Amino acid sequence: LHPPAMRSSSSSSSSSSSSSLLFSLLFSVLLLLPHAHSVSVPTFSLNAESRDGRWSYRGQVLVASSSLIASPVTITAAITEEDRQEGVTVLYRYLNGRALQTSEGVTTCQHPRHIPPLFLLRDAVRDSRSLSSGAYNPSVIPSCVKATPTHLTFTGLQYLVCVEDGVIHISGEQFLATLTPLPASSSPSAELTELMEEADRLGISTCPPSSYAPPSTVSPPPPLPTEAWFHPSAADMRRVSLGEQKECIFLHGTGEKSTEPMTKNYEKYWGKIVEKTPQCSSHWFVHQDTVTRGWQDTDLQEAYCEAATHGQTDRTVIDNKYIFTHSMGNIILAGAFNNSYCRLGENSKWFGAMVPATGSGVAAKLAEICNNPEIRAVVNLIDHVCSPEGKPQGAYLSLIPTNPALRVIAPILTKSLSAEMCGTSPYGITSIYSPALSLVALVADLPKQNDGLVETFRCRLDEDFRSRFEAPYYLASINHADGTCRNGDGFWGSDRQPCSWYGSQR
């Protein structure tokens, strides 16, 4: 199933995918403070930028204790996030593990799943270490000139933090930030006090606290610092680990309304995936009508084989390629294999994301959903699910779990896929899709673990799933749209890195 990119104006209460950066920064302050003996002022001015230039953050953070070990530790913050790509601005207010977000005049509680857990901080501080000059690339934290950075691992991801001239510098793989202490005379500032008094009136104390829990699956330990993104030889080591580059073919799921020639990029569906997949010598993206046609359509299956054998004389064997499929794209290609339109060559690999291997519980409820005008309007914001007449589109009808043709699909996928990513959270990485997919999962009465459109148990084809993106079988706390990479990686949590999973497959 393919939720096409929606205009940000269609959802005034939802925010960009990187909103959790706010909390990563707040907790980085706590992580650092036990080491920052020169920092005694509890209020900081925050300035942060994502490394790709899309997001910026400005605001103030008040920390009521200068030590994580002291009890209690109180954090108060008001931070404005700007998504330069979508033109969306969101104000976040945070108090003691609870948060409000305000966008376009609408204020809601921040989703509890995306407030990192304070109980993990003690272990992070305990295991932090100072890095020697040869253990990191100075360019990744350019403002840290005189001081030696501290290496921290939090929710499976790694950060560098240092204090120089009283200013805290934080470097993550995806962002850079500074926290500058304010004079004691202006701590806390009148602006922060006013914003938090308003938050109190709006009921921030009634918002749910963080519900994040470490993934239940057993995961390998985080990479050693010598393998981390900040190491001086990281780029060279990454090139070595890539091995042979191959041409990459990307096959989308449902939601494409027209058939067009293949293109070299398709950000509307796949986000910045071209930048995230250095193992690809070239990128090619299919465009086929997957609204009116279901996965059993033989013309569609032949078209996917033609795309998968791009540039080849022999169109029956997929030769020397990496194939990436999302949602129903997996089922289309498996159906093509079943009908012998093409097959996977020994030197090619196939990687599947958000796979409805035995169908979709949402598809089974579409007659009911499409018949309800209010729910239909929300569902059609995610995807072209229902026709204007209120009838389910053909693509989704083919994914009803009772469709007998699906019985042959799971064995083909199990045999052919080299890696698979499945989602467990309809809310996922905070984005404009989060509230809509959460509503769809609720209306369809999906079990707790689902990606908003596909139940996790219908996706999983292997028992050895792990919560780290380096694993081939990746169980991620993301939703169906996140699984395309269009919402980027989460700024914290090893189980919230879909784009990095794509880049790790080879």
Foldseek 3Di string as FASTA:
>chain_A
DFFFFFQPVVFQQFDALAPLVVQVVLLVQQLCLVVCPVADFFKWWKWKAWPVRQKIKTWMKGWPDSHVVDPPIWIWIWMWMAGNVRRWIKIWTDTDQWIWIGTPRDIDTDDQQSNFDSVQSVVQSVPKDWDDPQLFDCVQQVVPDPWTWIWTADQQFIKTWDADPNKIWIGGPTMTMIIHRDDNVQVPHPVSVVVVVVVVVVPRVPGDGHPHDRDPADDDHHDDSCCDPGHPCNVVVLVVLLPAAFAEEEEEAAFQQAFDDKDQDDCSQQNPLVVLAPSHPGYIYGGHHLFQDALLPVVLLLSLLCRQCPPDPDSAERPRYEYEYAERSLVNPLNSVVVSSHYYDPNYAYEYEAYLLQFWLLLQCQLVQLVDVVSVVLVVSRHVQADPVSHGHPHSPCRNNVNVVSPSRLVSCLVGHPAYEFEFACQFRGNSRRVSLVVSCVVSVAPNGHQSIHHRVSRDSDPNEDQALLDRYHYAHGHRSVLSCSSAAHSHHRRGHNSNSNNNDD
